[in-house]
Amino acid sequence: MSDNPYASSFGGQMNASVNFGGAPEADLIKDTTTANFAKDVLEASRQQPVLVDFWAPWCGPCKQLTPVIEKVVKEAAGRVKLVKMNIDDHPSIAGQLGIQSIPAVIAFVGGRPADGFMGALPESQVRAFIDKIAGPAGADQKAEIEAVLGEAKTLLDQNDVAGAADLFGAILQADPENAAALAGMAQCMIAAGQHDNARQALAAATEEMAKDPAIAAVLKQLDQIEEARKLGDPQALEQVLARDPDDHAARLKLAKIRNVEGDRQAAAEHLLTIMKRDRSYEDDAARRELLQFFEVWGPKDPATIAARRRMSSILFS
């Protein structure tokens, strides 16, 4: 996406296109014929509602309705399509439907006529008719955004950072205050080693977005990364533990390092080991740190579920 404001963060590699809100305007309105009616209307209405505007060149009210209904259909952004049929050139369909005066608009849903109106209605009534047929504005886009958000998270879990960033960026273009998408974009930046960019992106969040748990979790992740950088060489810490398995300070540092490296199982294992050997160490520091890990990993992460189960067995044994 050349107009994606986050594209530069990934070297301009983001180029997927996600069109929230349905088809482009050019596909929303078309003329049809008797021969194409089944395809343009009946088949198409199985995917989304189709409004059929029956009109004629000599009809004054038709000329009044046309710009109004076309405007409202375009504003509906893909919730409905508009198909226009000139009854002078193609009278048979109108005859079969019993249409005796025009303009007449019939809504088809699931291959069948569902509702309609006659006459040059004002814009507000046309909009209300479309809302009645297709549902309230925004409902479809919200569902589509949620689906794309899930796809982006899956790509990120699969280490497809560029692909995930593309989708998160598309969501942010459609919904700039989507906290989950902003958090996901920041996670992509973290995965790409762009920690400063991630922090800057999160700093731009609105006050309301900043309250979202997803944003808070990524900020905590950045803090954990910054802390781990100061904890020393993990190989040296491994050697310390090989000599003295009860060096809890070294084990706690190593857990923090393994966490930011992405080895959640090893990170949890070190903290659980401290808990088993010395619950009182540094005022229960291992348990408190593990809870911090859970906050970043998320409650549904397999590592969270497994470690929480083991933690409970230690605490209540």
C-alpha atoms as a PDB file:
ATOM      1  CA  MET A   1       0.000   0.000   0.000  1.00  0.00           C
ATOM      2  CA  SER A   2       1.811   3.031  -1.187  1.00  0.00           C
ATOM      3  CA  ASP A   3      -0.329   5.334   0.966  1.00  0.00           C
ATOM      4  CA  ASN A   4       0.120   3.341   4.156  1.00  0.00           C
ATOM      5  CA  PRO A   5       1.686   5.641   6.798  1.00  0.00           C
ATOM      6  CA  TYR A   6       3.455   2.682   8.387  1.00  0.00           C
ATOM      7  CA  ALA A   7       5.044   1.397   5.175  1.00  0.00           C
ATOM      8  CA  SER A   8       8.346   3.218   5.727  1.00  0.00           C
ATOM      9  CA  SER A   9       8.833   1.330   8.962  1.00  0.00           C
ATOM     10  CA  PHE A  10       9.348  -1.833   6.931  1.00  0.00           C
ATOM     11  CA  GLY A  11      11.404  -0.512   4.060  1.00  0.00           C
ATOM     12  CA  GLY A  12       8.423   0.016   1.786  1.00  0.00           C
ATOM     13  CA  GLN A  13       7.713  -3.709   1.643  1.00  0.00           C
ATOM     14  CA  MET A  14       4.090  -3.377   2.654  1.00  0.00           C
ATOM     15  CA  ASN A  15       2.031  -3.653  -0.494  1.00  0.00           C
ATOM     16  CA  ALA A  16      -1.028  -5.815   0.180  1.00  0.00           C
ATOM     17  CA  SER A  17      -4.401  -4.207  -0.390  1.00  0.00           C
ATOM     18  CA  VAL A  18      -7.336  -4.628   1.960  1.00  0.00           C
ATOM     19  CA  ASN A  19     -10.575  -2.948   0.930  1.00  0.00           C
ATOM     20  CA  PHE A  20     -12.781  -2.535   3.989  1.00  0.00           C
ATOM     21  CA  GLY A  21     -16.394  -1.833   3.228  1.00  0.00           C
ATOM     22  CA  GLY A  22     -16.867  -4.008   0.134  1.00  0.00           C
ATOM     23  CA  ALA A  23     -16.499  -3.412  -3.577  1.00  0.00           C
ATOM     24  CA  PRO A  24     -15.003  -0.342  -5.275  1.00  0.00           C
ATOM     25  CA  GLU A  25     -17.517   2.320  -6.332  1.00  0.00           C
ATOM     26  CA  ALA A  26     -17.209   1.241  -9.963  1.00  0.00           C
ATOM     27  CA  ASP A  27     -18.601  -2.204  -9.042  1.00  0.00           C
ATOM     28  CA  LEU A  28     -21.470  -0.917  -6.922  1.00  0.00           C
ATOM     29  CA  ILE A  29     -23.641   0.496  -9.707  1.00  0.00           C
ATOM     30  CA  LYS A  30     -24.308  -1.008 -13.116  1.00  0.00           C
ATOM     31  CA  ASP A  31     -26.914  -1.304 -15.861  1.00  0.00           C
ATOM     32  CA  THR A  32     -28.402  -4.661 -16.709  1.00  0.00           C
ATOM     33  CA  THR A  33     -30.410  -6.337 -19.438  1.00  0.00           C
ATOM     34  CA  THR A  34     -33.033  -9.050 -19.555  1.00  0.00           C
ATOM     35  CA  ALA A  35     -30.346 -11.565 -20.539  1.00  0.00           C
ATOM     36  CA  ASN A  36     -28.034 -10.572 -17.676  1.00  0.00           C
ATOM     37  CA  PHE A  37     -30.681 -10.105 -14.989  1.00  0.00           C
ATOM     38  CA  ALA A  38     -30.194 -13.547 -13.458  1.00  0.00           C
ATOM     39  CA  LYS A  39     -26.441 -13.017 -13.075  1.00  0.00           C
ATOM     40  CA  ASP A  40     -26.454  -9.321 -12.153  1.00  0.00           C
ATOM     41  CA  VAL A  41     -29.355  -9.525  -9.710  1.00  0.00           C
ATOM     42  CA  LEU A  42     -30.450 -13.003  -8.667  1.00  0.00           C
ATOM     43  CA  GLU A  43     -26.985 -14.535  -8.300  1.00  0.00           C
ATOM     44  CA  ALA A  44     -25.395 -11.351  -6.948  1.00  0.00           C
ATOM     45  CA  SER A  45     -28.095 -10.979  -4.291  1.00  0.00           C
ATOM     46  CA  ARG A  46     -26.985 -14.249  -2.733  1.00  0.00           C
ATOM     47  CA  GLN A  47     -23.792 -12.433  -1.704  1.00  0.00           C
ATOM     48  CA  GLN A  48     -25.266  -9.048  -0.729  1.00  0.00           C
ATOM     49  CA  PRO A  49     -28.551  -7.165  -1.215  1.00  0.00           C
ATOM     50  CA  VAL A  50     -29.113  -5.788  -4.716  1.00  0.00           C
ATOM     51  CA  LEU A  51     -31.413  -2.859  -5.435  1.00  0.00           C
ATOM     52  CA  VAL A  52     -32.966  -2.853  -8.898  1.00  0.00           C
ATOM     53  CA  ASP A  53     -34.004   0.584 -10.133  1.00  0.00           C
ATOM     54  CA  PHE A  54     -36.601   0.285 -12.887  1.00  0.00           C
ATOM     55  CA  TRP A  55     -36.617   3.513 -14.912  1.00  0.00           C
ATOM     56  CA  ALA A  56     -37.122   5.027 -18.363  1.00  0.00           C
ATOM     57  CA  PRO A  57     -35.516   7.977 -20.176  1.00  0.00           C
ATOM     58  CA  TRP A  58     -38.819   9.898 -20.378  1.00  0.00           C
ATOM     59  CA  CYS A  59     -39.559   9.598 -16.636  1.00  0.00           C
ATOM     60  CA  GLY A  60     -39.019  12.877 -14.749  1.00  0.00           C
ATOM     61  CA  PRO A  61     -39.188  11.401 -11.217  1.00  0.00           C
ATOM     62  CA  CYS A  62     -36.666   8.763 -12.333  1.00  0.00           C
ATOM     63  CA  LYS A  63     -34.213  11.540 -13.129  1.00  0.00           C
ATOM     64  CA  GLN A  64     -34.786  12.972  -9.641  1.00  0.00           C
ATOM     65  CA  LEU A  65     -34.229   9.628  -7.916  1.00  0.00           C
ATOM     66  CA  THR A  66     -31.126   8.551  -9.840  1.00  0.00           C
ATOM     67  CA  PRO A  67     -28.551  10.921  -8.275  1.00  0.00           C
ATOM     68  CA  VAL A  68     -30.064  10.406  -4.822  1.00  0.00           C
ATOM     69  CA  ILE A  69     -30.027   6.609  -4.837  1.00  0.00           C
ATOM     70  CA  GLU A  70     -26.582   6.466  -6.463  1.00  0.00           C
ATOM     71  CA  LYS A  71     -25.184   8.768  -3.771  1.00  0.00           C
ATOM     72  CA  VAL A  72     -26.650   6.728  -0.918  1.00  0.00           C
ATOM     73  CA  VAL A  73     -25.498   3.420  -2.445  1.00  0.00           C
ATOM     74  CA  LYS A  74     -21.948   4.764  -2.743  1.00  0.00           C
ATOM     75  CA  GLU A  75     -22.050   5.995   0.845  1.00  0.00           C
ATOM     76  CA  ALA A  76     -23.186   2.518   1.920  1.00  0.00           C
ATOM     77  CA  ALA A  77     -19.709   1.386   0.801  1.00  0.00           C
ATOM     78  CA  GLY A  78     -20.571  -2.075  -0.418  1.00  0.00           C
ATOM     79  CA  ARG A  79     -23.454  -3.016   1.872  1.00  0.00           C
ATOM     80  CA  VAL A  80     -25.705  -3.028  -1.206  1.00  0.00           C
ATOM     81  CA  LYS A  81     -25.344  -2.881  -4.959  1.00  0.00           C
ATOM     82  CA  LEU A  82     -27.512  -0.924  -7.397  1.00  0.00           C
ATOM     83  CA  VAL A  83     -28.570  -2.376 -10.738  1.00  0.00           C
ATOM     84  CA  LYS A  84     -30.504  -0.150 -13.148  1.00  0.00           C
ATOM     85  CA  MET A  85     -32.911  -1.492 -15.765  1.00  0.00           C
ATOM     86  CA  ASN A  86     -34.367   0.624 -18.577  1.00  0.00           C
ATOM     87  CA  ILE A  87     -37.894  -0.743 -18.945  1.00  0.00           C
ATOM     88  CA  ASP A  88     -38.273   0.712 -22.450  1.00  0.00           C
ATOM     89  CA  ASP A  89     -35.450  -1.510 -23.663  1.00  0.00           C
ATOM     90  CA  HIS A  90     -36.147  -4.408 -21.278  1.00  0.00           C
ATOM     91  CA  PRO A  91     -39.835  -4.488 -20.255  1.00  0.00           C
ATOM     92  CA  SER A  92     -40.300  -8.187 -19.476  1.00  0.00           C
ATOM     93  CA  ILE A  93     -38.782  -8.300 -15.964  1.00  0.00           C
ATOM     94  CA  ALA A  94     -40.792  -5.299 -14.813  1.00  0.00           C
ATOM     95  CA  GLY A  95     -43.904  -6.939 -16.254  1.00  0.00           C
ATOM     96  CA  GLN A  96     -43.212 -10.197 -14.411  1.00  0.00           C
ATOM     97  CA  LEU A  97     -42.844  -8.272 -11.152  1.00  0.00           C
ATOM     98  CA  GLY A  98     -46.105  -6.409 -11.710  1.00  0.00           C
ATOM     99  CA  ILE A  99     -44.488  -2.980 -11.837  1.00  0.00           C
ATOM    100  CA  GLN A 100     -47.019  -0.488 -13.224  1.00  0.00           C
ATOM    101  CA  SER A 101     -45.379   2.846 -12.413  1.00  0.00           C
ATOM    102  CA  ILE A 102     -41.822   4.137 -12.191  1.00  0.00           C
ATOM    103  CA  PRO A 103     -39.434   4.838 -10.675  1.00  0.00           C
ATOM    104  CA  ALA A 104     -39.717   1.555  -8.826  1.00  0.00           C
ATOM    105  CA  VAL A 105     -36.925   0.093  -6.700  1.00  0.00           C
ATOM    106  CA  ILE A 106     -37.035  -3.559  -5.696  1.00  0.00           C
ATOM    107  CA  ALA A 107     -34.529  -5.024  -3.233  1.00  0.00           C
ATOM    108  CA  PHE A 108     -33.413  -8.594  -3.920  1.00  0.00           C
ATOM    109  CA  VAL A 109     -31.943 -10.697  -1.124  1.00  0.00           C
ATOM    110  CA  GLY A 110     -30.955 -14.350  -1.490  1.00  0.00           C
ATOM    111  CA  GLY A 111     -32.206 -14.457  -5.062  1.00  0.00           C
ATOM    112  CA  ARG A 112     -35.721 -13.224  -4.226  1.00  0.00           C
ATOM    113  CA  PRO A 113     -37.543  -9.866  -4.020  1.00  0.00           C
ATOM    114  CA  ALA A 114     -37.521  -8.756  -0.379  1.00  0.00           C
ATOM    115  CA  ASP A 115     -38.893  -5.199  -0.294  1.00  0.00           C
ATOM    116  CA  GLY A 116     -39.272  -2.107  -2.431  1.00  0.00           C
ATOM    117  CA  PHE A 117     -40.588   1.380  -2.914  1.00  0.00           C
ATOM    118  CA  MET A 118     -42.018   3.548  -5.675  1.00  0.00           C
ATOM    119  CA  GLY A 119     -41.493   7.191  -6.470  1.00  0.00           C
ATOM    120  CA  ALA A 120     -38.658   9.669  -6.035  1.00  0.00           C
ATOM    121  CA  LEU A 121     -38.119   9.375  -2.280  1.00  0.00           C
ATOM    122  CA  PRO A 122     -35.936  11.920  -0.469  1.00  0.00           C
ATOM    123  CA  GLU A 123     -32.410  10.971   0.496  1.00  0.00           C
ATOM    124  CA  SER A 124     -33.242  10.291   4.144  1.00  0.00           C
ATOM    125  CA  GLN A 125     -35.923   7.751   3.214  1.00  0.00           C
ATOM    126  CA  VAL A 126     -33.674   6.030   0.675  1.00  0.00           C
ATOM    127  CA  ARG A 127     -30.978   5.750   3.329  1.00  0.00           C
ATOM    128  CA  ALA A 128     -33.466   4.330   5.827  1.00  0.00           C
ATOM    129  CA  PHE A 129     -34.593   1.789   3.222  1.00  0.00           C
ATOM    130  CA  ILE A 130     -31.026   0.618   2.649  1.00  0.00           C
ATOM    131  CA  ASP A 131     -30.391   0.373   6.412  1.00  0.00           C
ATOM    132  CA  LYS A 132     -33.535  -1.741   6.697  1.00  0.00           C
ATOM    133  CA  ILE A 133     -32.381  -4.081   3.923  1.00  0.00           C
ATOM    134  CA  ALA A 134     -28.646  -4.266   4.637  1.00  0.00           C
ATOM    135  CA  GLY A 135     -28.402  -3.526   8.351  1.00  0.00           C
ATOM    136  CA  PRO A 136     -26.955  -0.477  10.127  1.00  0.00           C
ATOM    137  CA  ALA A 137     -23.971   1.293   8.621  1.00  0.00           C
ATOM    138  CA  GLY A 138     -20.658   0.062  10.010  1.00  0.00           C
ATOM    139  CA  ALA A 139     -21.766  -3.422  11.050  1.00  0.00           C
ATOM    140  CA  ASP A 140     -20.198  -5.181   8.066  1.00  0.00           C
ATOM    141  CA  GLN A 141     -16.976  -3.177   8.258  1.00  0.00           C
ATOM    142  CA  LYS A 142     -16.581  -3.936  11.950  1.00  0.00           C
ATOM    143  CA  ALA A 143     -16.925  -7.658  11.298  1.00  0.00           C
ATOM    144  CA  GLU A 144     -14.460  -7.455   8.403  1.00  0.00           C
ATOM    145  CA  ILE A 145     -11.927  -5.562  10.516  1.00  0.00           C
ATOM    146  CA  GLU A 146     -12.184  -8.206  13.238  1.00  0.00           C
ATOM    147  CA  ALA A 147     -11.559 -10.938  10.669  1.00  0.00           C
ATOM    148  CA  VAL A 148      -8.519  -9.154   9.214  1.00  0.00           C
ATOM    149  CA  LEU A 149      -7.234  -8.472  12.721  1.00  0.00           C
ATOM    150  CA  GLY A 150      -7.349 -12.190  13.452  1.00  0.00           C
ATOM    151  CA  GLU A 151      -5.527 -12.939  10.202  1.00  0.00           C
ATOM    152  CA  ALA A 152      -2.834 -10.372  11.014  1.00  0.00           C
ATOM    153  CA  LYS A 153      -2.257 -11.901  14.460  1.00  0.00           C
ATOM    154  CA  THR A 154      -1.941 -15.336  12.891  1.00  0.00           C
ATOM    155  CA  LEU A 155       0.663 -14.054  10.421  1.00  0.00           C
ATOM    156  CA  LEU A 156       2.613 -12.450  13.264  1.00  0.00           C
ATOM    157  CA  ASP A 157       2.531 -15.714  15.233  1.00  0.00           C
ATOM    158  CA  GLN A 158       3.938 -17.390  12.114  1.00  0.00           C
ATOM    159  CA  ASN A 159       6.747 -14.789  11.967  1.00  0.00           C
ATOM    160  CA  ASP A 160       5.415 -13.246   8.759  1.00  0.00           C
ATOM    161  CA  VAL A 161       6.175  -9.771  10.086  1.00  0.00           C
ATOM    162  CA  ALA A 162       5.772  -7.901   6.798  1.00  0.00           C
ATOM    163  CA  GLY A 163       2.475  -9.602   6.011  1.00  0.00           C
ATOM    164  CA  ALA A 164       1.119  -8.923   9.478  1.00  0.00           C
ATOM    165  CA  ALA A 165       2.265  -5.298   9.372  1.00  0.00           C
ATOM    166  CA  ASP A 166       0.518  -4.859   6.028  1.00  0.00           C
ATOM    167  CA  LEU A 167      -2.803  -5.949   7.502  1.00  0.00           C
ATOM    168  CA  PHE A 168      -2.421  -4.028  10.754  1.00  0.00           C
ATOM    169  CA  GLY A 169      -1.606  -0.926   8.692  1.00  0.00           C
ATOM    170  CA  ALA A 170      -4.687  -1.429   6.526  1.00  0.00           C
ATOM    171  CA  ILE A 171      -6.870  -1.658   9.621  1.00  0.00           C
ATOM    172  CA  LEU A 172      -5.363   1.541  11.013  1.00  0.00           C
ATOM    173  CA  GLN A 173      -6.123   3.337   7.768  1.00  0.00           C
ATOM    174  CA  ALA A 174      -9.769   2.260   7.986  1.00  0.00           C
ATOM    175  CA  ASP A 175     -10.002   2.710  11.765  1.00  0.00           C
ATOM    176  CA  PRO A 176      -7.173   4.948  13.098  1.00  0.00           C
ATOM    177  CA  GLU A 177      -8.252   4.419  16.725  1.00  0.00           C
ATOM    178  CA  ASN A 178      -8.178   0.634  16.641  1.00  0.00           C
ATOM    179  CA  ALA A 179      -6.024  -0.126  19.693  1.00  0.00           C
ATOM    180  CA  ALA A 180      -5.545  -3.808  18.846  1.00  0.00           C
ATOM    181  CA  ALA A 181      -4.201  -2.915  15.396  1.00  0.00           C
ATOM    182  CA  LEU A 182      -1.846  -0.293  16.818  1.00  0.00           C
ATOM    183  CA  ALA A 183      -0.574  -2.786  19.380  1.00  0.00           C
ATOM    184  CA  GLY A 184      -0.105  -5.336  16.606  1.00  0.00           C
ATOM    185  CA  MET A 185       1.797  -2.844  14.470  1.00  0.00           C
ATOM    186  CA  ALA A 186       4.067  -2.063  17.421  1.00  0.00           C
ATOM    187  CA  GLN A 187       4.679  -5.794  17.897  1.00  0.00           C
ATOM    188  CA  CYS A 188       5.678  -6.026  14.235  1.00  0.00           C
ATOM    189  CA  MET A 189       8.163  -3.215  14.795  1.00  0.00           C
ATOM    190  CA  ILE A 190       9.537  -5.026  17.846  1.00  0.00           C
ATOM    191  CA  ALA A 191       9.892  -8.226  15.814  1.00  0.00           C
ATOM    192  CA  ALA A 192      11.782  -6.218  13.172  1.00  0.00           C
ATOM    193  CA  GLY A 193      14.118  -4.835  15.830  1.00  0.00           C
ATOM    194  CA  GLN A 194      12.641  -1.341  15.586  1.00  0.00           C
ATOM    195  CA  HIS A 195      12.030  -0.771  19.281  1.00  0.00           C
ATOM    196  CA  ASP A 196      12.248   3.015  19.132  1.00  0.00           C
ATOM    197  CA  ASN A 197       9.727   3.137  16.285  1.00  0.00           C
ATOM    198  CA  ALA A 198       7.384   0.909  18.288  1.00  0.00           C
ATOM    199  CA  ARG A 199       7.550   3.196  21.304  1.00  0.00           C
ATOM    200  CA  GLN A 200       6.972   6.264  19.104  1.00  0.00           C
ATOM    201  CA  ALA A 201       3.945   4.633  17.470  1.00  0.00           C
ATOM    202  CA  LEU A 202       2.422   3.829  20.854  1.00  0.00           C
ATOM    203  CA  ALA A 203       3.172   7.339  22.121  1.00  0.00           C
ATOM    204  CA  ALA A 204       0.898   8.666  19.370  1.00  0.00           C
ATOM    205  CA  ALA A 205      -2.080   6.730  20.747  1.00  0.00           C
ATOM    206  CA  THR A 206      -5.052   8.753  21.937  1.00  0.00           C
ATOM    207  CA  GLU A 207      -5.766   8.877  25.649  1.00  0.00           C
ATOM    208  CA  GLU A 208      -8.603   6.401  25.223  1.00  0.00           C
ATOM    209  CA  MET A 209      -6.481   3.976  23.158  1.00  0.00           C
ATOM    210  CA  ALA A 210      -3.690   4.116  25.736  1.00  0.00           C
ATOM    211  CA  LYS A 211      -6.060   2.573  28.289  1.00  0.00           C
ATOM    212  CA  ASP A 212      -6.457  -0.548  26.182  1.00  0.00           C
ATOM    213  CA  PRO A 213      -4.816  -3.676  27.698  1.00  0.00           C
ATOM    214  CA  ALA A 214      -3.219  -4.533  24.339  1.00  0.00           C
ATOM    215  CA  ILE A 215      -1.359  -1.203  24.275  1.00  0.00           C
ATOM    216  CA  ALA A 216      -0.318  -1.596  27.921  1.00  0.00           C
ATOM    217  CA  ALA A 217       0.989  -5.101  27.230  1.00  0.00           C
ATOM    218  CA  VAL A 218       3.213  -3.950  24.357  1.00  0.00           C
ATOM    219  CA  LEU A 219       4.575  -1.057  26.415  1.00  0.00           C
ATOM    220  CA  LYS A 220       5.418  -3.543  29.149  1.00  0.00           C
ATOM    221  CA  GLN A 221       7.083  -5.762  26.540  1.00  0.00           C
ATOM    222  CA  LEU A 222       9.264  -2.839  25.460  1.00  0.00           C
ATOM    223  CA  ASP A 223      10.216  -2.204  29.089  1.00  0.00           C
ATOM    224  CA  GLN A 224      11.148  -5.865  29.474  1.00  0.00           C
ATOM    225  CA  ILE A 225      13.346  -5.707  26.382  1.00  0.00           C
ATOM    226  CA  GLU A 226      15.080  -2.583  27.647  1.00  0.00           C
ATOM    227  CA  GLU A 227      15.698  -4.191  31.035  1.00  0.00           C
ATOM    228  CA  ALA A 228      16.991  -7.453  29.534  1.00  0.00           C
ATOM    229  CA  ARG A 229      19.633  -5.566  27.542  1.00  0.00           C
ATOM    230  CA  LYS A 230      21.292  -4.634  30.845  1.00  0.00           C
ATOM    231  CA  LEU A 231      21.297  -8.092  32.430  1.00  0.00           C
ATOM    232  CA  GLY A 232      24.469  -9.486  30.889  1.00  0.00           C
ATOM    233  CA  ASP A 233      25.499 -12.426  28.712  1.00  0.00           C
ATOM    234  CA  PRO A 234      23.010 -15.321  28.844  1.00  0.00           C
ATOM    235  CA  GLN A 235      25.769 -17.865  28.246  1.00  0.00           C
ATOM    236  CA  ALA A 236      27.683 -16.535  31.241  1.00  0.00           C
ATOM    237  CA  LEU A 237      24.517 -16.781  33.325  1.00  0.00           C
ATOM    238  CA  GLU A 238      24.034 -20.378  32.177  1.00  0.00           C
ATOM    239  CA  GLN A 239      27.550 -21.142  33.364  1.00  0.00           C
ATOM    240  CA  VAL A 240      26.812 -19.555  36.734  1.00  0.00           C
ATOM    241  CA  LEU A 241      23.762 -21.771  37.124  1.00  0.00           C
ATOM    242  CA  ALA A 242      25.729 -24.846  36.103  1.00  0.00           C
ATOM    243  CA  ARG A 243      28.077 -24.171  39.015  1.00  0.00           C
ATOM    244  CA  ASP A 244      25.324 -23.131  41.441  1.00  0.00           C
ATOM    245  CA  PRO A 245      21.712 -24.038  40.569  1.00  0.00           C
ATOM    246  CA  ASP A 246      20.535 -22.055  43.610  1.00  0.00           C
ATOM    247  CA  ASP A 247      21.857 -18.729  42.325  1.00  0.00           C
ATOM    248  CA  HIS A 248      18.371 -17.275  42.041  1.00  0.00           C
ATOM    249  CA  ALA A 249      19.602 -13.833  41.014  1.00  0.00           C
ATOM    250  CA  ALA A 250      21.299 -15.320  37.943  1.00  0.00           C
ATOM    251  CA  ARG A 251      18.271 -17.491  37.194  1.00  0.00           C
ATOM    252  CA  LEU A 252      15.904 -14.512  37.422  1.00  0.00           C
ATOM    253  CA  LYS A 253      18.065 -12.521  35.001  1.00  0.00           C
ATOM    254  CA  LEU A 254      18.232 -15.459  32.617  1.00  0.00           C
ATOM    255  CA  ALA A 255      14.430 -15.845  32.734  1.00  0.00           C
ATOM    256  CA  LYS A 256      14.020 -12.205  31.718  1.00  0.00           C
ATOM    257  CA  ILE A 257      16.486 -12.622  28.850  1.00  0.00           C
ATOM    258  CA  ARG A 258      14.860 -15.812  27.548  1.00  0.00           C
ATOM    259  CA  ASN A 259      11.500 -14.078  27.682  1.00  0.00           C
ATOM    260  CA  VAL A 260      12.524 -11.236  25.364  1.00  0.00           C
ATOM    261  CA  GLU A 261      14.277 -13.763  23.105  1.00  0.00           C
ATOM    262  CA  GLY A 262      10.887 -15.407  22.656  1.00  0.00           C
ATOM    263  CA  ASP A 263      11.684 -18.636  24.496  1.00  0.00           C
ATOM    264  CA  ARG A 264       8.665 -18.453  26.776  1.00  0.00           C
ATOM    265  CA  GLN A 265       8.876 -22.043  27.924  1.00  0.00           C
ATOM    266  CA  ALA A 266      12.457 -21.607  29.158  1.00  0.00           C
ATOM    267  CA  ALA A 267      11.634 -18.260  30.750  1.00  0.00           C
ATOM    268  CA  ALA A 268       8.728 -19.734  32.676  1.00  0.00           C
ATOM    269  CA  GLU A 269      10.754 -22.794  33.649  1.00  0.00           C
ATOM    270  CA  HIS A 270      13.436 -20.656  35.313  1.00  0.00           C
ATOM    271  CA  LEU A 271      10.881 -18.697  37.315  1.00  0.00           C
ATOM    272  CA  LEU A 272       8.974 -21.813  38.343  1.00  0.00           C
ATOM    273  CA  THR A 273      12.254 -23.371  39.469  1.00  0.00           C
ATOM    274  CA  ILE A 274      12.910 -20.401  41.753  1.00  0.00           C
ATOM    275  CA  MET A 275       9.390 -20.685  43.158  1.00  0.00           C
ATOM    276  CA  LYS A 276       9.859 -24.373  43.922  1.00  0.00           C
ATOM    277  CA  ARG A 277      13.232 -23.822  45.595  1.00  0.00           C
ATOM    278  CA  ASP A 278      12.627 -20.591  47.461  1.00  0.00           C
ATOM    279  CA  ARG A 279       9.185 -18.936  47.411  1.00  0.00           C
ATOM    280  CA  SER A 280      10.456 -16.141  49.666  1.00  0.00           C
ATOM    281  CA  TYR A 281      13.292 -15.070  47.356  1.00  0.00           C
ATOM    282  CA  GLU A 282      13.192 -11.282  46.955  1.00  0.00           C
ATOM    283  CA  ASP A 283       9.653 -11.104  48.291  1.00  0.00           C
ATOM    284  CA  ASP A 284       8.246 -13.692  45.870  1.00  0.00           C
ATOM    285  CA  ALA A 285      10.004 -12.043  42.911  1.00  0.00           C
ATOM    286  CA  ALA A 286       9.696 -15.089  40.635  1.00  0.00           C
ATOM    287  CA  ARG A 287       5.899 -15.239  40.920  1.00  0.00           C
ATOM    288  CA  ARG A 288       5.542 -11.494  40.429  1.00  0.00           C
ATOM    289  CA  GLU A 289       7.763 -11.612  37.340  1.00  0.00           C
ATOM    290  CA  LEU A 290       5.838 -14.539  35.905  1.00  0.00           C
ATOM    291  CA  LEU A 291       2.612 -12.574  36.245  1.00  0.00           C
ATOM    292  CA  GLN A 292       4.274  -9.755  34.282  1.00  0.00           C
ATOM    293  CA  PHE A 293       5.126 -12.267  31.574  1.00  0.00           C
ATOM    294  CA  PHE A 294       1.508 -13.469  31.458  1.00  0.00           C
ATOM    295  CA  GLU A 295       0.315  -9.907  30.933  1.00  0.00           C
ATOM    296  CA  VAL A 296       2.462  -9.576  27.815  1.00  0.00           C
ATOM    297  CA  TRP A 297       1.899 -13.102  26.498  1.00  0.00           C
ATOM    298  CA  GLY A 298      -1.865 -12.891  26.883  1.00  0.00           C
ATOM    299  CA  PRO A 299      -4.243 -15.219  28.755  1.00  0.00           C
ATOM    300  CA  LYS A 300      -4.807 -17.560  25.810  1.00  0.00           C
ATOM    301  CA  ASP A 301      -1.157 -18.090  24.917  1.00  0.00           C
ATOM    302  CA  PRO A 302      -0.184 -21.766  25.345  1.00  0.00           C
ATOM    303  CA  ALA A 303       2.858 -20.735  27.393  1.00  0.00           C
ATOM    304  CA  THR A 304       0.633 -18.727  29.751  1.00  0.00           C
ATOM    305  CA  ILE A 305      -1.822 -21.592  30.187  1.00  0.00           C
ATOM    306  CA  ALA A 306       0.888 -24.173  30.844  1.00  0.00           C
ATOM    307  CA  ALA A 307       2.895 -21.982  33.225  1.00  0.00           C
ATOM    308  CA  ARG A 308      -0.183 -20.813  35.112  1.00  0.00           C
ATOM    309  CA  ARG A 309      -1.236 -24.413  35.675  1.00  0.00           C
ATOM    310  CA  ARG A 310       2.198 -25.323  37.028  1.00  0.00           C
ATOM    311  CA  MET A 311       2.336 -22.191  39.154  1.00  0.00           C
ATOM    312  CA  SER A 312      -0.975 -23.089  40.752  1.00  0.00           C
ATOM    313  CA  SER A 313       0.259 -26.575  41.606  1.00  0.00           C
ATOM    314  CA  ILE A 314       3.321 -25.051  43.324  1.00  0.00           C
ATOM    315  CA  LEU A 315       1.313 -22.444  45.213  1.00  0.00           C
ATOM    316  CA  PHE A 316      -1.340 -24.852  46.456  1.00  0.00           C
ATOM    317  CA  SER A 317       0.698 -28.021  46.955  1.00  0.00           C
END
